[in-house]
PDB file of N, CA and C in Angstrom:
ATOM      1  N   MET A   1     -79.111 -50.886-212.861  1.00  0.00           N
ATOM      2  CA  MET A   1     -79.126 -49.440-212.699  1.00  0.00           C
ATOM      3  C   MET A   1     -79.439 -48.774-214.036  1.00  0.00           C
ATOM      4  N   ALA A   2     -80.342 -47.830-214.014  1.00  0.00           N
ATOM      5  CA  ALA A   2     -80.742 -47.114-215.218  1.00  0.00           C
ATOM      6  C   ALA A   2     -79.648 -46.151-215.642  1.00  0.00           C
ATOM      7  N   VAL A   3     -79.399 -46.124-216.939  1.00  0.00           N
ATOM      8  CA  VAL A   3     -78.369 -45.254-217.487  1.00  0.00           C
ATOM      9  C   VAL A   3     -78.986 -43.919-217.873  1.00  0.00           C
ATOM     10  N   GLU A   4     -78.378 -42.840-217.414  1.00  0.00           N
ATOM     11  CA  GLU A   4     -78.811 -41.497-217.787  1.00  0.00           C
ATOM     12  C   GLU A   4     -77.946 -40.992-218.927  1.00  0.00           C
ATOM     13  N   VAL A   5     -78.485 -40.117-219.747  1.00  0.00           N
ATOM     14  CA  VAL A   5     -77.739 -39.537-220.856  1.00  0.00           C
ATOM     15  C   VAL A   5     -77.798 -38.020-220.774  1.00  0.00           C
ATOM     16  N   ASP A   6     -76.861 -37.387-221.440  1.00  0.00           N
ATOM     17  CA  ASP A   6     -76.897 -35.947-221.638  1.00  0.00           C
ATOM     18  C   ASP A   6     -77.476 -35.715-223.029  1.00  0.00           C
ATOM     19  N   LEU A   7     -78.287 -34.686-223.174  1.00  0.00           N
ATOM     20  CA  LEU A   7     -79.002 -34.446-224.420  1.00  0.00           C
ATOM     21  C   LEU A   7     -78.836 -32.994-224.850  1.00  0.00           C
ATOM     22  N   PHE A   8     -78.362 -32.793-226.078  1.00  0.00           N
ATOM     23  CA  PHE A   8     -78.249 -31.461-226.664  1.00  0.00           C
ATOM     24  C   PHE A   8     -79.574 -31.124-227.340  1.00  0.00           C
ATOM     25  N   VAL A   9     -80.159 -29.984-226.942  1.00  0.00           N
ATOM     26  CA  VAL A   9     -81.422 -29.536-227.535  1.00  0.00           C
ATOM     27  C   VAL A   9     -81.225 -28.160-228.152  1.00  0.00           C
ATOM     28  N   TYR A  10     -81.998 -27.870-229.195  1.00  0.00           N
ATOM     29  CA  TYR A  10     -81.769 -26.653-229.975  1.00  0.00           C
ATOM     30  C   TYR A  10     -83.069 -26.002-230.448  1.00  0.00           C
ATOM     31  N   GLY A  11     -84.200 -26.526-230.014  1.00  0.00           N
ATOM     32  CA  GLY A  11     -85.483 -25.995-230.473  1.00  0.00           C
ATOM     33  C   GLY A  11     -86.463 -25.895-229.324  1.00  0.00           C
ATOM     34  N   THR A  12     -87.641 -26.483-229.495  1.00  0.00           N
ATOM     35  CA  THR A  12     -88.700 -26.356-228.498  1.00  0.00           C
ATOM     36  C   THR A  12     -88.308 -26.940-227.145  1.00  0.00           C
ATOM     37  N   LEU A  13     -87.413 -27.931-227.119  1.00  0.00           N
ATOM     38  CA  LEU A  13     -87.006 -28.531-225.845  1.00  0.00           C
ATOM     39  C   LEU A  13     -86.078 -27.625-225.035  1.00  0.00           C
ATOM     40  N   MET A  14     -85.672 -26.491-225.584  1.00  0.00           N
ATOM     41  CA  MET A  14     -84.907 -25.518-224.807  1.00  0.00           C
ATOM     42  C   MET A  14     -85.807 -24.802-223.803  1.00  0.00           C
ATOM     43  N   ASP A  15     -87.109 -24.829-224.050  1.00  0.00           N
ATOM     44  CA  ASP A  15     -88.087 -24.178-223.181  1.00  0.00           C
ATOM     45  C   ASP A  15     -88.343 -25.092-221.981  1.00  0.00           C
ATOM     46  N   GLU A  16     -87.965 -24.630-220.791  1.00  0.00           N
ATOM     47  CA  GLU A  16     -88.104 -25.454-219.583  1.00  0.00           C
ATOM     48  C   GLU A  16     -89.546 -25.861-219.320  1.00  0.00           C
ATOM     49  N   SER A  17     -90.506 -25.018-219.664  1.00  0.00           N
ATOM     50  CA  SER A  17     -91.906 -25.375-219.419  1.00  0.00           C
ATOM     51  C   SER A  17     -92.344 -26.532-220.319  1.00  0.00           C
ATOM     52  N   VAL A  18     -91.872 -26.555-221.558  1.00  0.00           N
ATOM     53  CA  VAL A  18     -92.174 -27.670-222.467  1.00  0.00           C
ATOM     54  C   VAL A  18     -91.543 -28.944-221.927  1.00  0.00           C
ATOM     55  N   LEU A  19     -90.289 -28.854-221.551  1.00  0.00           N
ATOM     56  CA  LEU A  19     -89.563 -30.008-221.016  1.00  0.00           C
ATOM     57  C   LEU A  19     -90.253 -30.558-219.773  1.00  0.00           C
ATOM     58  N   TYR A  20     -90.672 -29.672-218.881  1.00  0.00           N
ATOM     59  CA  TYR A  20     -91.339 -30.101-217.657  1.00  0.00           C
ATOM     60  C   TYR A  20     -92.699 -30.736-217.956  1.00  0.00           C
ATOM     61  N   SER A  21     -93.427 -30.170-218.907  1.00  0.00           N
ATOM     62  CA  SER A  21     -94.746 -30.729-219.243  1.00  0.00           C
ATOM     63  C   SER A  21     -94.624 -32.132-219.832  1.00  0.00           C
ATOM     64  N   LEU A  22     -93.517 -32.422-220.491  1.00  0.00           N
ATOM     65  CA  LEU A  22     -93.304 -33.736-221.093  1.00  0.00           C
ATOM     66  C   LEU A  22     -92.754 -34.764-220.106  1.00  0.00           C
ATOM     67  N   THR A  23     -91.897 -34.319-219.180  1.00  0.00           N
ATOM     68  CA  THR A  23     -91.170 -35.265-218.320  1.00  0.00           C
ATOM     69  C   THR A  23     -91.530 -35.166-216.843  1.00  0.00           C
ATOM     70  N   GLY A  24     -92.109 -34.041-216.445  1.00  0.00           N
ATOM     71  CA  GLY A  24     -92.384 -33.822-215.028  1.00  0.00           C
ATOM     72  C   GLY A  24     -91.136 -33.540-214.225  1.00  0.00           C
ATOM     73  N   ARG A  25     -90.048 -33.201-214.925  1.00  0.00           N
ATOM     74  CA  ARG A  25     -88.767 -32.950-214.259  1.00  0.00           C
ATOM     75  C   ARG A  25     -88.088 -31.728-214.835  1.00  0.00           C
ATOM     76  N   ARG A  26     -87.146 -31.217-214.060  1.00  0.00           N
ATOM     77  CA  ARG A  26     -86.230 -30.170-214.540  1.00  0.00           C
ATOM     78  C   ARG A  26     -84.838 -30.786-214.529  1.00  0.00           C
ATOM     79  N   PHE A  27     -84.034 -30.425-215.501  1.00  0.00           N
ATOM     80  CA  PHE A  27     -82.701 -31.003-215.646  1.00  0.00           C
ATOM     81  C   PHE A  27     -81.645 -29.906-215.618  1.00  0.00           C
ATOM     82  N   PRO A  28     -80.466 -30.214-215.076  1.00  0.00           N
ATOM     83  CA  PRO A  28     -79.366 -29.244-215.151  1.00  0.00           C
ATOM     84  C   PRO A  28     -79.096 -28.908-216.618  1.00  0.00           C
ATOM     85  N   ARG A  29     -78.784 -27.632-216.872  1.00  0.00           N
ATOM     86  CA  ARG A  29     -78.612 -27.172-218.257  1.00  0.00           C
ATOM     87  C   ARG A  29     -77.428 -26.235-218.375  1.00  0.00           C
ATOM     88  N   ARG A  30     -76.743 -26.340-219.512  1.00  0.00           N
ATOM     89  CA  ARG A  30     -75.610 -25.464-219.820  1.00  0.00           C
ATOM     90  C   ARG A  30     -75.663 -25.091-221.293  1.00  0.00           C
ATOM     91  N   GLU A  31     -75.242 -23.884-221.607  1.00  0.00           N
ATOM     92  CA  GLU A  31     -75.147 -23.484-223.011  1.00  0.00           C
ATOM     93  C   GLU A  31     -74.100 -24.341-223.695  1.00  0.00           C
ATOM     94  N   ALA A  32     -74.374 -24.715-224.958  1.00  0.00           N
ATOM     95  CA  ALA A  32     -73.474 -25.591-225.703  1.00  0.00           C
ATOM     96  C   ALA A  32     -73.522 -25.247-227.186  1.00  0.00           C
ATOM     97  N   GLU A  33     -72.507 -25.711-227.896  1.00  0.00           N
ATOM     98  CA  GLU A  33     -72.432 -25.504-229.339  1.00  0.00           C
ATOM     99  C   GLU A  33     -72.109 -26.833-230.012  1.00  0.00           C
ATOM    100  N   LEU A  34     -72.852 -27.132-231.070  1.00  0.00           N
ATOM    101  CA  LEU A  34     -72.660 -28.352-231.850  1.00  0.00           C
ATOM    102  C   LEU A  34     -72.057 -27.975-233.193  1.00  0.00           C
ATOM    103  N   LEU A  35     -70.866 -28.472-233.470  1.00  0.00           N
ATOM    104  CA  LEU A  35     -70.191 -28.206-234.744  1.00  0.00           C
ATOM    105  C   LEU A  35     -70.559 -29.279-235.755  1.00  0.00           C
ATOM    106  N   GLY A  36     -70.580 -28.885-237.034  1.00  0.00           N
ATOM    107  CA  GLY A  36     -70.810 -29.845-238.109  1.00  0.00           C
ATOM    108  C   GLY A  36     -72.276 -30.116-238.409  1.00  0.00           C
ATOM    109  N   PHE A  37     -73.162 -29.279-237.862  1.00  0.00           N
ATOM    110  CA  PHE A  37     -74.593 -29.396-238.136  1.00  0.00           C
ATOM    111  C   PHE A  37     -75.167 -28.017-238.403  1.00  0.00           C
ATOM    112  N   GLU A  38     -76.272 -28.000-239.130  1.00  0.00           N
ATOM    113  CA  GLU A  38     -76.978 -26.766-239.456  1.00  0.00           C
ATOM    114  C   GLU A  38     -78.405 -26.863-238.942  1.00  0.00           C
ATOM    115  N   ARG A  39     -78.895 -25.803-238.356  1.00  0.00           N
ATOM    116  CA  ARG A  39     -80.280 -25.751-237.854  1.00  0.00           C
ATOM    117  C   ARG A  39     -81.168 -25.133-238.923  1.00  0.00           C
ATOM    118  N   LEU A  40     -82.257 -25.819-239.237  1.00  0.00           N
ATOM    119  CA  LEU A  40     -83.221 -25.328-240.205  1.00  0.00           C
ATOM    120  C   LEU A  40     -84.554 -25.123-239.497  1.00  0.00           C
ATOM    121  N   ILE A  41     -85.268 -24.082-239.916  1.00  0.00           N
ATOM    122  CA  ILE A  41     -86.569 -23.784-239.336  1.00  0.00           C
ATOM    123  C   ILE A  41     -87.578 -23.724-240.484  1.00  0.00           C
ATOM    124  N   PRO A  42     -88.389 -24.771-240.626  1.00  0.00           N
ATOM    125  CA  PRO A  42     -89.402 -24.738-241.693  1.00  0.00           C
ATOM    126  C   PRO A  42     -90.433 -23.640-241.435  1.00  0.00           C
ATOM    127  N   ASN A  43     -91.054 -23.171-242.486  1.00  0.00           N
ATOM    128  CA  ASN A  43     -92.104 -22.163-242.334  1.00  0.00           C
ATOM    129  C   ASN A  43     -93.249 -22.690-241.488  1.00  0.00           C
ATOM    130  N   ASN A  44     -93.569 -23.955-241.658  1.00  0.00           N
ATOM    131  CA  ASN A  44     -94.652 -24.597-240.912  1.00  0.00           C
ATOM    132  C   ASN A  44     -94.098 -25.865-240.278  1.00  0.00           C
ATOM    133  N   GLY A  45     -93.593 -25.763-239.084  1.00  0.00           N
ATOM    134  CA  GLY A  45     -93.046 -26.950-238.441  1.00  0.00           C
ATOM    135  C   GLY A  45     -92.080 -26.582-237.337  1.00  0.00           C
ATOM    136  N   TYR A  46     -91.288 -27.563-236.960  1.00  0.00           N
ATOM    137  CA  TYR A  46     -90.361 -27.413-235.844  1.00  0.00           C
ATOM    138  C   TYR A  46     -88.919 -27.374-236.337  1.00  0.00           C
ATOM    139  N   PRO A  47     -88.027 -26.728-235.578  1.00  0.00           N
ATOM    140  CA  PRO A  47     -86.618 -26.705-235.967  1.00  0.00           C
ATOM    141  C   PRO A  47     -86.029 -28.115-235.999  1.00  0.00           C
ATOM    142  N   TYR A  48     -85.074 -28.302-236.878  1.00  0.00           N
ATOM    143  CA  TYR A  48     -84.330 -29.559-236.920  1.00  0.00           C
ATOM    144  C   TYR A  48     -82.918 -29.277-237.398  1.00  0.00           C
ATOM    145  N   ILE A  49     -82.040 -30.243-237.178  1.00  0.00           N
ATOM    146  CA  ILE A  49     -80.661 -30.094-237.623  1.00  0.00           C
ATOM    147  C   ILE A  49     -80.330 -31.198-238.609  1.00  0.00           C
ATOM    148  N   ILE A  50     -79.387 -30.864-239.512  1.00  0.00           N
ATOM    149  CA  ILE A  50     -78.847 -31.819-240.466  1.00  0.00           C
ATOM    150  C   ILE A  50     -77.333 -31.625-240.513  1.00  0.00           C
ATOM    151  N   PRO A  51     -76.600 -32.669-240.886  1.00  0.00           N
ATOM    152  CA  PRO A  51     -75.141 -32.518-240.989  1.00  0.00           C
ATOM    153  C   PRO A  51     -74.757 -31.463-242.022  1.00  0.00           C
ATOM    154  N   ASN A  52     -73.760 -30.645-241.671  1.00  0.00           N
ATOM    155  CA  ASN A  52     -73.189 -29.648-242.567  1.00  0.00           C
ATOM    156  C   ASN A  52     -71.833 -29.292-241.974  1.00  0.00           C
ATOM    157  N   SER A  53     -70.777 -29.737-242.630  1.00  0.00           N
ATOM    158  CA  SER A  53     -69.427 -29.636-242.054  1.00  0.00           C
ATOM    159  C   SER A  53     -68.992 -28.213-241.718  1.00  0.00           C
ATOM    160  N   GLY A  54     -69.520 -27.214-242.393  1.00  0.00           N
ATOM    161  CA  GLY A  54     -69.083 -25.845-242.131  1.00  0.00           C
ATOM    162  C   GLY A  54     -69.976 -25.062-241.189  1.00  0.00           C
ATOM    163  N   ALA A  55     -70.892 -25.743-240.535  1.00  0.00           N
ATOM    164  CA  ALA A  55     -71.897 -25.029-239.738  1.00  0.00           C
ATOM    165  C   ALA A  55     -71.766 -25.339-238.251  1.00  0.00           C
ATOM    166  N   ARG A  56     -72.558 -24.608-237.455  1.00  0.00           N
ATOM    167  CA  ARG A  56     -72.615 -24.841-236.012  1.00  0.00           C
ATOM    168  C   ARG A  56     -73.998 -24.437-235.509  1.00  0.00           C
ATOM    169  N   VAL A  57     -74.393 -25.074-234.414  1.00  0.00           N
ATOM    170  CA  VAL A  57     -75.715 -24.840-233.839  1.00  0.00           C
ATOM    171  C   VAL A  57     -75.540 -24.502-232.361  1.00  0.00           C
ATOM    172  N   GLN A  58     -76.162 -23.419-231.938  1.00  0.00           N
ATOM    173  CA  GLN A  58     -76.184 -23.048-230.527  1.00  0.00           C
ATOM    174  C   GLN A  58     -77.378 -23.720-229.869  1.00  0.00           C
ATOM    175  N   GLY A  59     -77.187 -24.191-228.640  1.00  0.00           N
ATOM    176  CA  GLY A  59     -78.290 -24.828-227.939  1.00  0.00           C
ATOM    177  C   GLY A  59     -77.982 -25.008-226.472  1.00  0.00           C
ATOM    178  N   ILE A  60     -78.656 -25.970-225.872  1.00  0.00           N
ATOM    179  CA  ILE A  60     -78.538 -26.250-224.448  1.00  0.00           C
ATOM    180  C   ILE A  60     -78.202 -27.729-224.262  1.00  0.00           C
ATOM    181  N   LEU A  61     -77.264 -28.013-223.366  1.00  0.00           N
ATOM    182  CA  LEU A  61     -76.961 -29.387-222.988  1.00  0.00           C
ATOM    183  C   LEU A  61     -77.704 -29.683-221.697  1.00  0.00           C
ATOM    184  N   LEU A  62     -78.624 -30.637-221.765  1.00  0.00           N
ATOM    185  CA  LEU A  62     -79.373 -31.092-220.594  1.00  0.00           C
ATOM    186  C   LEU A  62     -78.658 -32.304-220.025  1.00  0.00           C
ATOM    187  N   SER A  63     -78.470 -32.344-218.715  1.00  0.00           N
ATOM    188  CA  SER A  63     -77.732 -33.439-218.080  1.00  0.00           C
ATOM    189  C   SER A  63     -78.666 -34.333-217.281  1.00  0.00           C
ATOM    190  N   GLY A  64     -78.309 -35.629-217.253  1.00  0.00           N
ATOM    191  CA  GLY A  64     -79.004 -36.575-216.396  1.00  0.00           C
ATOM    192  C   GLY A  64     -80.397 -36.950-216.847  1.00  0.00           C
ATOM    193  N   ILE A  65     -80.593 -37.095-218.157  1.00  0.00           N
ATOM    194  CA  ILE A  65     -81.901 -37.513-218.663  1.00  0.00           C
ATOM    195  C   ILE A  65     -82.074 -39.004-218.363  1.00  0.00           C
ATOM    196  N   ASP A  66     -83.064 -39.326-217.527  1.00  0.00           N
ATOM    197  CA  ASP A  66     -83.286 -40.720-217.131  1.00  0.00           C
ATOM    198  C   ASP A  66     -84.082 -41.454-218.213  1.00  0.00           C
ATOM    199  N   PRO A  67     -84.101 -42.792-218.181  1.00  0.00           N
ATOM    200  CA  PRO A  67     -84.779 -43.562-219.237  1.00  0.00           C
ATOM    201  C   PRO A  67     -86.255 -43.217-219.425  1.00  0.00           C
ATOM    202  N   SER A  68     -87.002 -42.977-218.356  1.00  0.00           N
ATOM    203  CA  SER A  68     -88.425 -42.672-218.532  1.00  0.00           C
ATOM    204  C   SER A  68     -88.613 -41.301-219.190  1.00  0.00           C
ATOM    205  N   ALA A  69     -87.781 -40.329-218.838  1.00  0.00           N
ATOM    206  CA  ALA A  69     -87.852 -39.015-219.481  1.00  0.00           C
ATOM    207  C   ALA A  69     -87.456 -39.132-220.947  1.00  0.00           C
ATOM    208  N   LEU A  70     -86.455 -39.956-221.236  1.00  0.00           N
ATOM    209  CA  LEU A  70     -86.004 -40.136-222.615  1.00  0.00           C
ATOM    210  C   LEU A  70     -87.102 -40.760-223.473  1.00  0.00           C
ATOM    211  N   VAL A  71     -87.850 -41.693-222.921  1.00  0.00           N
ATOM    212  CA  VAL A  71     -88.979 -42.279-223.650  1.00  0.00           C
ATOM    213  C   VAL A  71     -89.992 -41.191-224.001  1.00  0.00           C
ATOM    214  N   ALA A  72     -90.303 -40.327-223.041  1.00  0.00           N
ATOM    215  CA  ALA A  72     -91.257 -39.239-223.280  1.00  0.00           C
ATOM    216  C   ALA A  72     -90.742 -38.276-224.345  1.00  0.00           C
ATOM    217  N   LEU A  73     -89.458 -37.950-224.298  1.00  0.00           N
ATOM    218  CA  LEU A  73     -88.876 -37.036-225.285  1.00  0.00           C
ATOM    219  C   LEU A  73     -88.821 -37.680-226.663  1.00  0.00           C
ATOM    220  N   ASP A  74     -88.466 -38.971-226.712  1.00  0.00           N
ATOM    221  CA  ASP A  74     -88.464 -39.690-227.996  1.00  0.00           C
ATOM    222  C   ASP A  74     -89.856 -39.667-228.624  1.00  0.00           C
ATOM    223  N   HIS A  75     -90.873 -39.863-227.807  1.00  0.00           N
ATOM    224  CA  HIS A  75     -92.246 -39.851-228.312  1.00  0.00           C
ATOM    225  C   HIS A  75     -92.599 -38.452-228.848  1.00  0.00           C
ATOM    226  N   TYR A  76     -92.253 -37.418-228.101  1.00  0.00           N
ATOM    227  CA  TYR A  76     -92.516 -36.038-228.515  1.00  0.00           C
ATOM    228  C   TYR A  76     -91.821 -35.712-229.841  1.00  0.00           C
ATOM    229  N   GLU A  77     -90.582 -36.171-229.989  1.00  0.00           N
ATOM    230  CA  GLU A  77     -89.799 -35.878-231.195  1.00  0.00           C
ATOM    231  C   GLU A  77     -90.097 -36.836-232.347  1.00  0.00           C
ATOM    232  N   ASP A  78     -91.000 -37.789-232.115  1.00  0.00           N
ATOM    233  CA  ASP A  78     -91.318 -38.806-233.125  1.00  0.00           C
ATOM    234  C   ASP A  78     -90.028 -39.500-233.585  1.00  0.00           C
ATOM    235  N   GLU A  79     -89.218 -39.891-232.574  1.00  0.00           N
ATOM    236  CA  GLU A  79     -87.922 -40.525-232.824  1.00  0.00           C
ATOM    237  C   GLU A  79     -88.126 -41.793-233.646  1.00  0.00           C
ATOM    238  N   GLY A  80     -87.301 -41.927-234.671  1.00  0.00           N
ATOM    239  CA  GLY A  80     -87.404 -43.060-235.577  1.00  0.00           C
ATOM    240  C   GLY A  80     -88.149 -42.721-236.852  1.00  0.00           C
ATOM    241  N   TYR A  81     -88.828 -41.585-236.872  1.00  0.00           N
ATOM    242  CA  TYR A  81     -89.512 -41.149-238.083  1.00  0.00           C
ATOM    243  C   TYR A  81     -89.082 -39.736-238.467  1.00  0.00           C
ATOM    244  N   LEU A  82     -89.548 -38.706-237.728  1.00  0.00           N
ATOM    245  CA  LEU A  82     -89.158 -37.330-238.065  1.00  0.00           C
ATOM    246  C   LEU A  82     -87.741 -37.004-237.604  1.00  0.00           C
ATOM    247  N   TYR A  83     -87.351 -37.578-236.480  1.00  0.00           N
ATOM    248  CA  TYR A  83     -86.022 -37.320-235.910  1.00  0.00           C
ATOM    249  C   TYR A  83     -85.384 -38.644-235.516  1.00  0.00           C
ATOM    250  N   HIS A  84     -84.058 -38.644-235.507  1.00  0.00           N
ATOM    251  CA  HIS A  84     -83.291 -39.810-235.068  1.00  0.00           C
ATOM    252  C   HIS A  84     -82.317 -39.351-233.993  1.00  0.00           C
ATOM    253  N   ARG A  85     -82.383 -40.004-232.840  1.00  0.00           N
ATOM    254  CA  ARG A  85     -81.467 -39.652-231.747  1.00  0.00           C
ATOM    255  C   ARG A  85     -80.097 -40.237-232.064  1.00  0.00           C
ATOM    256  N   ARG A  86     -79.077 -39.367-232.076  1.00  0.00           N
ATOM    257  CA  ARG A  86     -77.722 -39.766-232.450  1.00  0.00           C
ATOM    258  C   ARG A  86     -76.715 -39.292-231.408  1.00  0.00           C
ATOM    259  N   GLN A  87     -75.593 -39.998-231.333  1.00  0.00           N
ATOM    260  CA  GLN A  87     -74.500 -39.580-230.469  1.00  0.00           C
ATOM    261  C   GLN A  87     -73.687 -38.519-231.189  1.00  0.00           C
ATOM    262  N   VAL A  88     -73.365 -37.441-230.471  1.00  0.00           N
ATOM    263  CA  VAL A  88     -72.565 -36.328-230.989  1.00  0.00           C
ATOM    264  C   VAL A  88     -71.662 -35.830-229.865  1.00  0.00           C
ATOM    265  N   GLU A  89     -70.843 -34.854-230.185  1.00  0.00           N
ATOM    266  CA  GLU A  89     -70.060 -34.138-229.171  1.00  0.00           C
ATOM    267  C   GLU A  89     -70.363 -32.660-229.311  1.00  0.00           C
ATOM    268  N   VAL A  90     -70.568 -31.995-228.187  1.00  0.00           N
ATOM    269  CA  VAL A  90     -70.784 -30.557-228.176  1.00  0.00           C
ATOM    270  C   VAL A  90     -69.647 -29.893-227.409  1.00  0.00           C
ATOM    271  N   THR A  91     -69.534 -28.590-227.586  1.00  0.00           N
ATOM    272  CA  THR A  91     -68.550 -27.814-226.847  1.00  0.00           C
ATOM    273  C   THR A  91     -69.280 -27.047-225.744  1.00  0.00           C
ATOM    274  N   VAL A  92     -68.813 -27.240-224.507  1.00  0.00           N
ATOM    275  CA  VAL A  92     -69.359 -26.556-223.344  1.00  0.00           C
ATOM    276  C   VAL A  92     -68.184 -25.936-222.604  1.00  0.00           C
ATOM    277  N   GLU A  93     -68.185 -24.617-222.521  1.00  0.00           N
ATOM    278  CA  GLU A  93     -67.114 -23.894-221.824  1.00  0.00           C
ATOM    279  C   GLU A  93     -65.731 -24.358-222.280  1.00  0.00           C
ATOM    280  N   GLY A  94     -65.581 -24.525-223.603  1.00  0.00           N
ATOM    281  CA  GLY A  94     -64.291 -24.879-224.184  1.00  0.00           C
ATOM    282  C   GLY A  94     -63.937 -26.354-224.141  1.00  0.00           C
ATOM    283  N   ARG A  95     -64.796 -27.189-223.558  1.00  0.00           N
ATOM    284  CA  ARG A  95     -64.525 -28.632-223.477  1.00  0.00           C
ATOM    285  C   ARG A  95     -65.489 -29.401-224.364  1.00  0.00           C
ATOM    286  N   ARG A  96     -64.977 -30.494-224.974  1.00  0.00           N
ATOM    287  CA  ARG A  96     -65.820 -31.386-225.776  1.00  0.00           C
ATOM    288  C   ARG A  96     -66.546 -32.335-224.836  1.00  0.00           C
ATOM    289  N   VAL A  97     -67.859 -32.461-225.008  1.00  0.00           N
ATOM    290  CA  VAL A  97     -68.681 -33.284-224.144  1.00  0.00           C
ATOM    291  C   VAL A  97     -69.524 -34.235-225.008  1.00  0.00           C
ATOM    292  N   PRO A  98     -69.415 -35.551-224.794  1.00  0.00           N
ATOM    293  CA  PRO A  98     -70.262 -36.479-225.543  1.00  0.00           C
ATOM    294  C   PRO A  98     -71.701 -36.405-225.051  1.00  0.00           C
ATOM    295  N   CYS A  99     -72.639 -36.539-225.971  1.00  0.00           N
ATOM    296  CA  CYS A  99     -74.059 -36.476-225.625  1.00  0.00           C
ATOM    297  C   CYS A  99     -74.858 -37.051-226.787  1.00  0.00           C
ATOM    298  N   GLU A 100     -76.152 -36.897-226.701  1.00  0.00           N
ATOM    299  CA  GLU A 100     -77.043 -37.294-227.787  1.00  0.00           C
ATOM    300  C   GLU A 100     -77.852 -36.084-228.219  1.00  0.00           C
ATOM    301  N   THR A 101     -78.387 -36.153-229.434  1.00  0.00           N
ATOM    302  CA  THR A 101     -79.262 -35.097-229.943  1.00  0.00           C
ATOM    303  C   THR A 101     -80.218 -35.692-230.955  1.00  0.00           C
ATOM    304  N   TYR A 102     -81.242 -34.941-231.314  1.00  0.00           N
ATOM    305  CA  TYR A 102     -82.198 -35.360-232.328  1.00  0.00           C
ATOM    306  C   TYR A 102     -81.828 -34.707-233.659  1.00  0.00           C
ATOM    307  N   VAL A 103     -81.559 -35.556-234.668  1.00  0.00           N
ATOM    308  CA  VAL A 103     -81.206 -35.100-236.012  1.00  0.00           C
ATOM    309  C   VAL A 103     -82.424 -35.304-236.902  1.00  0.00           C
ATOM    310  N   GLY A 104     -82.749 -34.299-237.700  1.00  0.00           N
ATOM    311  CA  GLY A 104     -83.923 -34.380-238.565  1.00  0.00           C
ATOM    312  C   GLY A 104     -83.763 -35.393-239.681  1.00  0.00           C
ATOM    313  N   ASP A 105     -84.854 -36.065-240.028  1.00  0.00           N
ATOM    314  CA  ASP A 105     -84.917 -36.967-241.174  1.00  0.00           C
ATOM    315  C   ASP A 105     -85.465 -36.148-242.340  1.00  0.00           C
ATOM    316  N   VAL A 106     -84.587 -35.770-243.241  1.00  0.00           N
ATOM    317  CA  VAL A 106     -84.959 -34.849-244.315  1.00  0.00           C
ATOM    318  C   VAL A 106     -86.100 -35.408-245.153  1.00  0.00           C
ATOM    319  N   GLN A 107     -86.067 -36.700-245.461  1.00  0.00           N
ATOM    320  CA  GLN A 107     -87.137 -37.292-246.276  1.00  0.00           C
ATOM    321  C   GLN A 107     -88.489 -37.170-245.569  1.00  0.00           C
ATOM    322  N   ALA A 108     -88.530 -37.491-244.294  1.00  0.00           N
ATOM    323  CA  ALA A 108     -89.787 -37.422-243.548  1.00  0.00           C
ATOM    324  C   ALA A 108     -90.249 -35.983-243.359  1.00  0.00           C
ATOM    325  N   LEU A 109     -89.300 -35.055-243.277  1.00  0.00           N
ATOM    326  CA  LEU A 109     -89.638 -33.650-243.030  1.00  0.00           C
ATOM    327  C   LEU A 109     -89.969 -32.880-244.306  1.00  0.00           C
ATOM    328  N   LYS A 110     -89.955 -33.549-245.454  1.00  0.00           N
ATOM    329  CA  LYS A 110     -90.273 -32.872-246.711  1.00  0.00           C
ATOM    330  C   LYS A 110     -91.686 -32.302-246.739  1.00  0.00           C
ATOM    331  N   VAL A 111     -92.522 -32.772-245.843  1.00  0.00           N
ATOM    332  CA  VAL A 111     -93.893 -32.235-245.790  1.00  0.00           C
ATOM    333  C   VAL A 111     -93.897 -30.790-245.336  1.00  0.00           C
ATOM    334  N   TYR A 112     -92.805 -30.358-244.722  1.00  0.00           N
ATOM    335  CA  TYR A 112     -92.686 -28.978-244.258  1.00  0.00           C
ATOM    336  C   TYR A 112     -91.971 -28.141-245.304  1.00  0.00           C
ATOM    337  N   SER A 113     -92.278 -26.854-245.315  1.00  0.00           N
ATOM    338  CA  SER A 113     -91.543 -25.931-246.177  1.00  0.00           C
ATOM    339  C   SER A 113     -90.228 -25.613-245.508  1.00  0.00           C
ATOM    340  N   TYR A 114     -89.138 -25.643-246.247  1.00  0.00           N
ATOM    341  CA  TYR A 114     -87.849 -25.311-245.687  1.00  0.00           C
ATOM    342  C   TYR A 114     -87.752 -23.816-245.476  1.00  0.00           C
ATOM    343  N   GLY A 115     -87.269 -23.428-244.316  1.00  0.00           N
ATOM    344  CA  GLY A 115     -87.155 -22.017-243.971  1.00  0.00           C
ATOM    345  C   GLY A 115     -85.719 -21.570-243.962  1.00  0.00           C
ATOM    346  N   THR A 116     -85.432 -20.667-243.077  1.00  0.00           N
ATOM    347  CA  THR A 116     -84.112 -20.071-243.036  1.00  0.00           C
ATOM    348  C   THR A 116     -83.146 -20.910-242.230  1.00  0.00           C
ATOM    349  N   SER A 117     -81.897 -20.841-242.575  1.00  0.00           N
ATOM    350  CA  SER A 117     -80.833 -21.541-241.865  1.00  0.00           C
ATOM    351  C   SER A 117     -80.408 -20.706-240.663  1.00  0.00           C
ATOM    352  N   GLN A 118     -80.131 -21.386-239.573  1.00  0.00           N
ATOM    353  CA  GLN A 118     -79.626 -20.730-238.373  1.00  0.00           C
ATOM    354  C   GLN A 118     -78.253 -21.300-238.034  1.00  0.00           C
ATOM    355  N   SER A 119     -77.448 -21.573-239.058  1.00  0.00           N
ATOM    356  CA  SER A 119     -76.213 -22.310-238.875  1.00  0.00           C
ATOM    357  C   SER A 119     -75.102 -21.520-238.215  1.00  0.00           C
ATOM    358  N   GLY A 120     -75.134 -20.214-238.315  1.00  0.00           N
ATOM    359  CA  GLY A 120     -74.036 -19.433-237.768  1.00  0.00           C
ATOM    360  C   GLY A 120     -72.840 -19.392-238.709  1.00  0.00           C
ATOM    361  N   LYS A 121     -73.048 -19.761-239.973  1.00  0.00           N
ATOM    362  CA  LYS A 121     -71.959 -19.705-240.948  1.00  0.00           C
ATOM    363  C   LYS A 121     -71.497 -18.268-241.110  1.00  0.00           C
ATOM    364  N   GLN A 122     -70.223 -18.138-241.382  1.00  0.00           N
ATOM    365  CA  GLN A 122     -69.694 -16.797-241.581  1.00  0.00           C
ATOM    366  C   GLN A 122     -69.329 -16.579-243.018  1.00  0.00           C
TER     367      GLN A 122
END
């Protein structure tokens, strides 16, 4: 039996049309918050997150990502080079939920100009 995962997204994959064009599917979605990470938006590039203990990232938790969809998303995110899929916990409606997300590889992303932080720090 194929194992499905839940995936926290915070950038282009929040757009249902992008997600559908990559996977041919729509997935259940809920608003979520990831603590301990900061979202960065390069001037020329795509959003990514990096660990930052005082930060938080708003995004969407997608449920039931099947293995074939995950392969397509990994390819889109250049998993293993620009991004690394990692296990994290997000908060959804006050509950902690285990899931996976794509974390930026800072060394690989140095080709982009660093932009503004969207961490939600106060």
